N, C-alpha and C. Protein backbone atom coordinates (compact mmCIF):
# COMPACT_ATOMS: atom_id res chain seq x y z
N MET A 1 11.07 -21.13 -5.17
CA MET A 1 10.00 -20.50 -4.43
C MET A 1 9.59 -21.40 -3.27
N THR A 2 9.43 -20.82 -2.09
CA THR A 2 9.07 -21.61 -0.92
C THR A 2 7.57 -21.85 -0.87
N VAL A 3 7.16 -22.76 -0.02
CA VAL A 3 5.74 -23.06 0.17
C VAL A 3 5.01 -21.81 0.66
N THR A 4 5.65 -21.04 1.56
CA THR A 4 5.04 -19.81 2.07
C THR A 4 4.82 -18.80 0.95
N GLU A 5 5.81 -18.64 0.05
CA GLU A 5 5.66 -17.73 -1.08
C GLU A 5 4.53 -18.19 -1.99
N ASP A 6 4.45 -19.50 -2.26
CA ASP A 6 3.37 -20.05 -3.08
C ASP A 6 2.02 -19.76 -2.44
N LYS A 7 1.92 -19.93 -1.13
CA LYS A 7 0.66 -19.70 -0.41
C LYS A 7 0.27 -18.22 -0.51
N ALA A 8 1.24 -17.31 -0.34
CA ALA A 8 0.95 -15.89 -0.45
C ALA A 8 0.45 -15.54 -1.84
N ARG A 9 1.12 -16.05 -2.87
CA ARG A 9 0.69 -15.78 -4.25
C ARG A 9 -0.71 -16.32 -4.52
N SER A 10 -1.00 -17.51 -4.01
CA SER A 10 -2.33 -18.08 -4.25
C SER A 10 -3.39 -17.28 -3.50
N GLU A 11 -3.07 -16.76 -2.31
CA GLU A 11 -4.02 -15.92 -1.57
C GLU A 11 -4.29 -14.62 -2.33
N VAL A 12 -3.24 -14.00 -2.87
CA VAL A 12 -3.40 -12.77 -3.65
C VAL A 12 -4.30 -13.03 -4.85
N LEU A 13 -4.02 -14.09 -5.56
CA LEU A 13 -4.81 -14.43 -6.75
C LEU A 13 -6.26 -14.74 -6.37
N ARG A 14 -6.46 -15.52 -5.32
CA ARG A 14 -7.81 -15.90 -4.90
C ARG A 14 -8.64 -14.68 -4.50
N LEU A 15 -8.04 -13.78 -3.75
CA LEU A 15 -8.79 -12.63 -3.23
C LEU A 15 -8.90 -11.46 -4.20
N TYR A 16 -7.84 -11.22 -4.97
CA TYR A 16 -7.79 -9.98 -5.74
C TYR A 16 -7.62 -10.18 -7.24
N GLY A 17 -7.32 -11.38 -7.69
CA GLY A 17 -7.00 -11.59 -9.08
C GLY A 17 -8.17 -11.50 -10.03
N ASN A 18 -7.88 -10.96 -11.21
CA ASN A 18 -8.84 -10.91 -12.32
C ASN A 18 -10.14 -10.20 -11.98
N ARG A 19 -10.03 -9.14 -11.20
CA ARG A 19 -11.18 -8.28 -10.90
C ARG A 19 -10.67 -6.88 -10.60
N LEU A 20 -11.50 -5.90 -10.85
CA LEU A 20 -11.15 -4.51 -10.57
C LEU A 20 -11.44 -4.21 -9.11
N ARG A 21 -10.48 -3.59 -8.45
CA ARG A 21 -10.66 -3.21 -7.05
C ARG A 21 -10.53 -1.70 -6.91
N ILE A 22 -11.20 -1.15 -5.92
CA ILE A 22 -11.01 0.24 -5.53
C ILE A 22 -10.22 0.19 -4.23
N ARG A 23 -9.02 0.81 -4.27
CA ARG A 23 -8.15 0.82 -3.09
C ARG A 23 -8.02 2.24 -2.56
N VAL A 24 -7.87 2.36 -1.26
CA VAL A 24 -7.57 3.63 -0.61
C VAL A 24 -6.18 3.51 0.00
N CYS A 25 -5.36 4.53 -0.21
CA CYS A 25 -3.97 4.48 0.23
C CYS A 25 -3.63 5.78 0.96
N GLY A 26 -2.81 5.68 1.98
CA GLY A 26 -2.45 6.85 2.76
C GLY A 26 -0.97 7.14 2.72
N LEU A 27 -0.65 8.41 2.57
CA LEU A 27 0.74 8.86 2.63
C LEU A 27 0.96 9.49 4.00
N TYR A 28 1.73 8.80 4.83
CA TYR A 28 2.03 9.25 6.19
C TYR A 28 3.52 9.54 6.29
N ARG A 29 3.82 10.73 6.75
CA ARG A 29 5.21 11.20 6.81
C ARG A 29 5.59 11.58 8.23
N GLU A 30 6.81 11.20 8.62
CA GLU A 30 7.44 11.69 9.86
C GLU A 30 8.77 12.29 9.44
N GLY A 31 8.85 13.60 9.43
CA GLY A 31 10.08 14.27 9.01
C GLY A 31 10.40 13.94 7.57
N ASP A 32 11.58 13.34 7.36
CA ASP A 32 12.01 13.02 5.99
C ASP A 32 11.73 11.56 5.64
N ARG A 33 10.85 10.90 6.41
CA ARG A 33 10.56 9.48 6.17
C ARG A 33 9.08 9.26 5.88
N LEU A 34 8.82 8.30 4.99
CA LEU A 34 7.47 7.95 4.57
C LEU A 34 7.18 6.53 5.05
N LEU A 35 5.96 6.30 5.54
CA LEU A 35 5.58 4.98 6.01
C LEU A 35 5.32 4.06 4.82
N MET A 36 5.96 2.90 4.83
CA MET A 36 5.86 1.93 3.74
C MET A 36 5.57 0.54 4.29
N VAL A 37 4.90 -0.26 3.48
CA VAL A 37 4.56 -1.64 3.83
C VAL A 37 5.17 -2.55 2.75
N ARG A 38 5.86 -3.59 3.21
CA ARG A 38 6.44 -4.56 2.27
C ARG A 38 5.53 -5.78 2.18
N HIS A 39 5.13 -6.09 0.93
CA HIS A 39 4.25 -7.22 0.65
C HIS A 39 5.02 -8.29 -0.12
N ARG A 40 4.56 -9.51 0.02
CA ARG A 40 5.04 -10.60 -0.83
C ARG A 40 3.85 -11.10 -1.63
N GLY A 41 4.14 -11.89 -2.67
CA GLY A 41 3.08 -12.46 -3.47
C GLY A 41 2.53 -11.53 -4.54
N ILE A 42 3.16 -10.37 -4.74
CA ILE A 42 2.65 -9.39 -5.70
C ILE A 42 3.37 -9.46 -7.05
N ASN A 43 4.68 -9.65 -7.02
CA ASN A 43 5.46 -9.63 -8.26
C ASN A 43 6.49 -10.77 -8.25
N PRO A 44 7.19 -10.99 -9.35
CA PRO A 44 8.14 -12.12 -9.42
C PRO A 44 9.26 -12.08 -8.37
N SER A 45 9.71 -10.87 -7.96
CA SER A 45 10.79 -10.80 -6.98
C SER A 45 10.30 -11.08 -5.56
N ASP A 46 8.97 -11.10 -5.38
CA ASP A 46 8.34 -11.36 -4.08
C ASP A 46 8.60 -10.25 -3.06
N THR A 47 9.01 -9.08 -3.52
CA THR A 47 9.17 -7.90 -2.66
C THR A 47 8.46 -6.75 -3.34
N PHE A 48 7.52 -6.13 -2.62
CA PHE A 48 6.82 -4.97 -3.16
C PHE A 48 6.54 -4.00 -2.02
N TRP A 49 7.16 -2.83 -2.08
CA TRP A 49 6.98 -1.77 -1.08
C TRP A 49 5.97 -0.75 -1.59
N CYS A 50 5.01 -0.41 -0.75
CA CYS A 50 4.04 0.62 -1.11
C CYS A 50 3.49 1.27 0.16
N PRO A 51 2.88 2.45 0.02
CA PRO A 51 2.24 3.06 1.18
C PRO A 51 1.09 2.18 1.68
N PRO A 52 0.74 2.27 2.96
CA PRO A 52 -0.36 1.48 3.50
C PRO A 52 -1.69 1.77 2.80
N GLY A 53 -2.50 0.75 2.70
CA GLY A 53 -3.82 0.91 2.11
C GLY A 53 -4.40 -0.43 1.73
N GLY A 54 -5.61 -0.39 1.19
CA GLY A 54 -6.24 -1.62 0.78
C GLY A 54 -7.60 -1.38 0.18
N GLY A 55 -8.29 -2.45 -0.10
CA GLY A 55 -9.57 -2.39 -0.79
C GLY A 55 -10.71 -1.93 0.09
N LEU A 56 -11.59 -1.14 -0.54
CA LEU A 56 -12.81 -0.74 0.13
C LEU A 56 -13.78 -1.91 0.18
N GLN A 57 -14.55 -1.97 1.25
CA GLN A 57 -15.60 -2.97 1.36
C GLN A 57 -16.91 -2.36 0.87
N PHE A 58 -17.80 -3.19 0.39
CA PHE A 58 -19.09 -2.69 -0.09
C PHE A 58 -19.79 -1.93 1.03
N GLY A 59 -20.27 -0.73 0.71
CA GLY A 59 -20.99 0.09 1.68
C GLY A 59 -20.09 0.90 2.60
N GLU A 60 -18.78 0.77 2.48
CA GLU A 60 -17.84 1.48 3.34
C GLU A 60 -17.45 2.81 2.69
N GLN A 61 -17.48 3.87 3.46
CA GLN A 61 -17.05 5.16 2.95
C GLN A 61 -15.53 5.18 2.80
N THR A 62 -15.06 5.96 1.85
CA THR A 62 -13.65 6.00 1.49
C THR A 62 -12.75 6.28 2.70
N ARG A 63 -13.04 7.33 3.42
CA ARG A 63 -12.20 7.71 4.57
C ARG A 63 -12.26 6.65 5.67
N GLU A 64 -13.43 6.09 5.88
CA GLU A 64 -13.61 5.02 6.87
C GLU A 64 -12.76 3.80 6.51
N GLY A 65 -12.73 3.47 5.22
CA GLY A 65 -11.93 2.34 4.76
C GLY A 65 -10.44 2.57 4.96
N LEU A 66 -9.98 3.80 4.73
CA LEU A 66 -8.57 4.10 4.91
C LEU A 66 -8.17 4.04 6.38
N VAL A 67 -9.03 4.53 7.25
CA VAL A 67 -8.77 4.43 8.70
C VAL A 67 -8.65 2.96 9.11
N ARG A 68 -9.57 2.13 8.62
CA ARG A 68 -9.55 0.69 8.93
C ARG A 68 -8.27 0.04 8.41
N GLU A 69 -7.93 0.30 7.14
CA GLU A 69 -6.74 -0.31 6.55
C GLU A 69 -5.47 0.09 7.29
N PHE A 70 -5.34 1.34 7.67
CA PHE A 70 -4.16 1.79 8.40
C PHE A 70 -4.05 1.06 9.73
N ASP A 71 -5.15 0.94 10.43
CA ASP A 71 -5.14 0.24 11.72
C ASP A 71 -4.74 -1.23 11.53
N GLU A 72 -5.32 -1.90 10.54
CA GLU A 72 -5.02 -3.31 10.29
C GLU A 72 -3.55 -3.52 9.92
N GLU A 73 -3.03 -2.68 9.03
CA GLU A 73 -1.68 -2.90 8.49
C GLU A 73 -0.57 -2.33 9.35
N THR A 74 -0.85 -1.24 10.08
CA THR A 74 0.25 -0.52 10.76
C THR A 74 0.05 -0.29 12.25
N GLY A 75 -1.16 -0.46 12.75
CA GLY A 75 -1.43 -0.18 14.16
C GLY A 75 -1.66 1.29 14.45
N LEU A 76 -1.52 2.16 13.45
CA LEU A 76 -1.71 3.59 13.67
C LEU A 76 -3.18 3.99 13.51
N LYS A 77 -3.62 4.87 14.39
CA LYS A 77 -4.93 5.52 14.26
C LYS A 77 -4.66 6.81 13.50
N ILE A 78 -5.44 7.05 12.45
CA ILE A 78 -5.16 8.20 11.61
C ILE A 78 -6.37 9.10 11.42
N GLU A 79 -6.06 10.31 10.99
CA GLU A 79 -7.04 11.25 10.49
C GLU A 79 -6.72 11.41 9.01
N VAL A 80 -7.74 11.29 8.18
CA VAL A 80 -7.54 11.38 6.74
C VAL A 80 -7.62 12.84 6.31
N GLY A 81 -6.60 13.27 5.58
CA GLY A 81 -6.53 14.64 5.09
C GLY A 81 -6.96 14.73 3.63
N GLU A 82 -6.26 15.57 2.91
CA GLU A 82 -6.58 15.89 1.52
C GLU A 82 -6.39 14.70 0.58
N MET A 83 -7.34 14.57 -0.37
CA MET A 83 -7.13 13.60 -1.44
C MET A 83 -6.10 14.19 -2.39
N LEU A 84 -5.07 13.39 -2.72
CA LEU A 84 -3.98 13.89 -3.53
C LEU A 84 -4.09 13.49 -5.00
N PHE A 85 -4.21 12.19 -5.28
CA PHE A 85 -4.23 11.74 -6.67
C PHE A 85 -4.86 10.35 -6.78
N VAL A 86 -5.11 9.96 -8.03
CA VAL A 86 -5.63 8.63 -8.35
C VAL A 86 -4.58 7.93 -9.20
N ASN A 87 -4.30 6.70 -8.89
CA ASN A 87 -3.35 5.90 -9.65
C ASN A 87 -4.05 4.62 -10.13
N GLU A 88 -3.82 4.27 -11.39
CA GLU A 88 -4.33 3.00 -11.89
C GLU A 88 -3.20 1.99 -11.83
N PHE A 89 -3.36 0.98 -10.98
CA PHE A 89 -2.36 -0.07 -10.79
C PHE A 89 -2.80 -1.27 -11.62
N MET A 90 -1.92 -1.69 -12.52
CA MET A 90 -2.23 -2.88 -13.31
C MET A 90 -0.98 -3.73 -13.44
N GLU A 91 -1.00 -4.82 -12.72
CA GLU A 91 0.07 -5.82 -12.75
C GLU A 91 -0.65 -7.16 -12.81
N PRO A 92 -1.08 -7.57 -14.05
CA PRO A 92 -1.92 -8.77 -14.17
C PRO A 92 -1.39 -9.94 -13.33
N PRO A 93 -2.31 -10.55 -12.59
CA PRO A 93 -3.77 -10.50 -12.67
C PRO A 93 -4.40 -9.42 -11.78
N LEU A 94 -3.60 -8.47 -11.27
CA LEU A 94 -4.14 -7.43 -10.39
C LEU A 94 -4.46 -6.16 -11.17
N HIS A 95 -5.59 -5.54 -10.81
CA HIS A 95 -6.00 -4.29 -11.42
C HIS A 95 -6.76 -3.50 -10.35
N ALA A 96 -6.27 -2.29 -10.06
CA ALA A 96 -6.92 -1.48 -9.02
C ALA A 96 -6.86 0.00 -9.37
N LEU A 97 -7.91 0.70 -9.00
CA LEU A 97 -7.89 2.15 -8.98
C LEU A 97 -7.58 2.54 -7.54
N GLU A 98 -6.52 3.32 -7.36
CA GLU A 98 -6.04 3.66 -6.02
C GLU A 98 -6.24 5.14 -5.76
N LEU A 99 -6.92 5.45 -4.67
CA LEU A 99 -7.16 6.82 -4.26
C LEU A 99 -6.16 7.14 -3.14
N PHE A 100 -5.26 8.08 -3.39
CA PHE A 100 -4.22 8.43 -2.42
C PHE A 100 -4.59 9.69 -1.65
N PHE A 101 -4.44 9.60 -0.31
CA PHE A 101 -4.74 10.70 0.60
C PHE A 101 -3.53 10.98 1.48
N ALA A 102 -3.38 12.23 1.89
CA ALA A 102 -2.44 12.56 2.96
C ALA A 102 -3.12 12.15 4.27
N VAL A 103 -2.36 11.59 5.20
CA VAL A 103 -2.93 11.19 6.49
C VAL A 103 -2.03 11.68 7.62
N HIS A 104 -2.63 11.79 8.81
CA HIS A 104 -1.91 12.22 10.01
C HIS A 104 -2.21 11.24 11.13
N ALA A 105 -1.20 10.85 11.88
CA ALA A 105 -1.40 9.94 13.01
C ALA A 105 -2.00 10.70 14.18
N ILE A 106 -2.99 10.05 14.82
CA ILE A 106 -3.61 10.65 16.00
C ILE A 106 -3.58 9.69 17.19
N GLY A 107 -2.94 8.51 17.00
CA GLY A 107 -2.86 7.54 18.08
C GLY A 107 -2.33 6.21 17.58
N GLY A 108 -2.38 5.24 18.47
CA GLY A 108 -1.88 3.91 18.14
C GLY A 108 -0.37 3.87 18.20
N SER A 109 0.19 2.71 17.88
CA SER A 109 1.65 2.57 17.84
C SER A 109 2.01 1.73 16.62
N LEU A 110 3.09 2.11 15.97
CA LEU A 110 3.51 1.47 14.73
C LEU A 110 3.91 0.02 14.99
N ARG A 111 3.34 -0.88 14.18
CA ARG A 111 3.65 -2.31 14.26
C ARG A 111 3.35 -2.94 12.91
N GLN A 112 3.84 -4.13 12.70
CA GLN A 112 3.51 -4.89 11.50
C GLN A 112 2.15 -5.53 11.71
N GLY A 113 1.21 -5.18 10.85
CA GLY A 113 -0.13 -5.71 10.96
C GLY A 113 -0.36 -6.90 10.06
N SER A 114 -1.62 -7.11 9.72
CA SER A 114 -1.99 -8.26 8.90
C SER A 114 -3.21 -7.92 8.07
N ASP A 115 -3.55 -8.82 7.17
CA ASP A 115 -4.75 -8.72 6.35
C ASP A 115 -5.76 -9.72 6.89
N PRO A 116 -6.84 -9.26 7.53
CA PRO A 116 -7.78 -10.20 8.14
C PRO A 116 -8.49 -11.11 7.14
N GLU A 117 -8.54 -10.70 5.86
CA GLU A 117 -9.21 -11.54 4.88
C GLU A 117 -8.34 -12.71 4.41
N MET A 118 -7.07 -12.72 4.80
CA MET A 118 -6.15 -13.78 4.38
C MET A 118 -5.94 -14.80 5.49
N SER A 119 -5.61 -16.02 5.08
CA SER A 119 -5.34 -17.07 6.06
C SER A 119 -4.05 -16.75 6.83
N LEU A 120 -3.88 -17.36 7.98
CA LEU A 120 -2.68 -17.11 8.79
C LEU A 120 -1.40 -17.46 8.07
N ASP A 121 -1.39 -18.54 7.30
CA ASP A 121 -0.17 -18.94 6.59
C ASP A 121 -0.07 -18.32 5.20
N GLY A 122 -1.04 -17.47 4.84
CA GLY A 122 -1.00 -16.80 3.54
C GLY A 122 -0.85 -15.30 3.63
N GLN A 123 -0.48 -14.81 4.81
CA GLN A 123 -0.31 -13.37 5.00
C GLN A 123 0.76 -12.82 4.06
N ILE A 124 0.52 -11.61 3.54
CA ILE A 124 1.47 -11.03 2.59
C ILE A 124 2.25 -9.85 3.14
N ILE A 125 1.86 -9.29 4.28
CA ILE A 125 2.61 -8.17 4.87
C ILE A 125 3.83 -8.74 5.57
N GLU A 126 5.02 -8.28 5.14
CA GLU A 126 6.27 -8.77 5.73
C GLU A 126 6.99 -7.74 6.58
N ASP A 127 6.72 -6.46 6.36
CA ASP A 127 7.43 -5.43 7.10
C ASP A 127 6.65 -4.13 6.99
N VAL A 128 6.73 -3.31 8.01
CA VAL A 128 6.15 -1.97 8.02
C VAL A 128 7.22 -1.07 8.63
N ARG A 129 7.59 -0.03 7.87
CA ARG A 129 8.62 0.85 8.42
C ARG A 129 8.61 2.21 7.76
N LEU A 130 9.16 3.17 8.49
CA LEU A 130 9.38 4.50 7.95
C LEU A 130 10.68 4.48 7.17
N MET A 131 10.64 4.98 5.94
CA MET A 131 11.81 4.94 5.06
C MET A 131 12.07 6.32 4.46
N THR A 132 13.35 6.65 4.30
CA THR A 132 13.69 7.88 3.59
C THR A 132 13.42 7.66 2.10
N PHE A 133 13.33 8.76 1.37
CA PHE A 133 13.11 8.66 -0.07
C PHE A 133 14.28 7.91 -0.72
N ASP A 134 15.50 8.17 -0.26
CA ASP A 134 16.66 7.46 -0.82
C ASP A 134 16.58 5.96 -0.58
N GLU A 135 16.09 5.56 0.59
CA GLU A 135 15.91 4.12 0.85
C GLU A 135 14.91 3.51 -0.12
N ILE A 136 13.80 4.20 -0.32
CA ILE A 136 12.77 3.71 -1.24
C ILE A 136 13.35 3.58 -2.64
N LYS A 137 14.06 4.61 -3.09
CA LYS A 137 14.61 4.62 -4.45
C LYS A 137 15.77 3.64 -4.62
N SER A 138 16.32 3.11 -3.53
CA SER A 138 17.42 2.14 -3.63
C SER A 138 16.93 0.77 -4.12
N TYR A 139 15.63 0.53 -4.06
CA TYR A 139 15.07 -0.74 -4.54
C TYR A 139 14.89 -0.67 -6.06
N PRO A 140 14.95 -1.80 -6.74
CA PRO A 140 14.65 -1.81 -8.18
C PRO A 140 13.22 -1.28 -8.40
N PRO A 141 12.97 -0.60 -9.52
CA PRO A 141 11.64 0.00 -9.76
C PRO A 141 10.48 -0.98 -9.64
N GLU A 142 10.69 -2.24 -10.01
CA GLU A 142 9.59 -3.21 -9.93
C GLU A 142 9.28 -3.64 -8.49
N GLU A 143 10.12 -3.23 -7.53
CA GLU A 143 9.89 -3.61 -6.13
C GLU A 143 9.29 -2.49 -5.30
N VAL A 144 8.98 -1.35 -5.93
CA VAL A 144 8.32 -0.25 -5.23
C VAL A 144 7.15 0.24 -6.07
N HIS A 145 6.20 0.84 -5.43
CA HIS A 145 5.02 1.36 -6.12
C HIS A 145 5.45 2.31 -7.24
N THR A 146 4.70 2.29 -8.34
CA THR A 146 5.05 3.11 -9.51
C THR A 146 5.03 4.60 -9.23
N LEU A 147 4.35 5.05 -8.19
CA LEU A 147 4.32 6.49 -7.90
C LEU A 147 5.73 7.03 -7.66
N PHE A 148 6.63 6.19 -7.18
CA PHE A 148 7.98 6.67 -6.88
C PHE A 148 8.82 6.90 -8.13
N GLY A 149 8.39 6.35 -9.25
CA GLY A 149 9.05 6.64 -10.52
C GLY A 149 8.71 8.02 -11.04
N ARG A 150 7.69 8.65 -10.46
CA ARG A 150 7.27 9.99 -10.89
C ARG A 150 7.89 11.10 -10.06
N CYS A 151 8.67 10.74 -9.05
CA CYS A 151 9.15 11.72 -8.08
C CYS A 151 10.65 11.62 -7.85
N HIS A 152 11.22 12.74 -7.39
CA HIS A 152 12.64 12.78 -7.04
C HIS A 152 12.86 13.15 -5.58
N SER A 153 11.77 13.35 -4.84
CA SER A 153 11.88 13.69 -3.42
C SER A 153 10.56 13.38 -2.73
N ILE A 154 10.60 13.35 -1.42
CA ILE A 154 9.37 13.10 -0.66
C ILE A 154 8.39 14.26 -0.84
N GLU A 155 8.93 15.47 -1.00
CA GLU A 155 8.07 16.63 -1.24
C GLU A 155 7.28 16.46 -2.54
N GLU A 156 7.94 15.93 -3.57
CA GLU A 156 7.25 15.71 -4.84
C GLU A 156 6.16 14.64 -4.72
N VAL A 157 6.33 13.68 -3.84
CA VAL A 157 5.29 12.66 -3.62
C VAL A 157 4.01 13.35 -3.16
N PHE A 158 4.15 14.26 -2.20
CA PHE A 158 2.98 14.95 -1.64
C PHE A 158 2.45 16.03 -2.57
N ALA A 159 3.18 16.37 -3.61
CA ALA A 159 2.74 17.37 -4.58
C ALA A 159 2.02 16.74 -5.78
N LEU A 160 2.04 15.41 -5.88
CA LEU A 160 1.36 14.75 -7.01
C LEU A 160 -0.14 15.06 -6.99
N ARG A 161 -0.69 15.35 -8.16
CA ARG A 161 -2.12 15.61 -8.29
C ARG A 161 -2.61 15.03 -9.61
N GLY A 162 -3.89 14.66 -9.65
CA GLY A 162 -4.48 14.20 -10.89
C GLY A 162 -4.62 12.69 -10.95
N TYR A 163 -4.68 12.21 -12.21
CA TYR A 163 -4.84 10.79 -12.49
C TYR A 163 -3.59 10.28 -13.16
N PHE A 164 -3.10 9.12 -12.70
CA PHE A 164 -1.94 8.48 -13.31
C PHE A 164 -2.34 7.10 -13.77
N GLY A 165 -2.33 6.92 -15.08
CA GLY A 165 -2.65 5.64 -15.67
C GLY A 165 -1.41 5.00 -16.21
N LEU A 166 -1.60 4.02 -17.01
CA LEU A 166 -0.48 3.28 -17.57
C LEU A 166 0.17 4.01 -18.71
């Protein structure tokens, strides 16, 4: 493990470890591709792909938080659409309730963003890109968000409804 990987893991643990978080996540689609963000410091393989999103701040409305997170992580300005489902993410020491929404781009330009709450040398976002469902499924299950284990197509991702726990 490199010093950078160690720093990313320690930042994740310091900011998010051993506490319950409420996260807002957006599903953004262009044709047959879904927008994904690659993080490090989340699991043993140091690769974790998931849709853009992040933790709500105290006093922040859900939709407002998702707009902020999308801008920070991807550079896209979005409009938040329908709430689709709730997922309980538990990968100790991380535990989050994730609210997933459909989103639509209304401006900005796609770029790799950052997490302002993390130090410059502890950033965990490594890549932001539009991926086909087959590309997402080509990764080992532990390297992609668990929602993709519930689906066989991008259409099924957008059809998910309800609560998904462990």
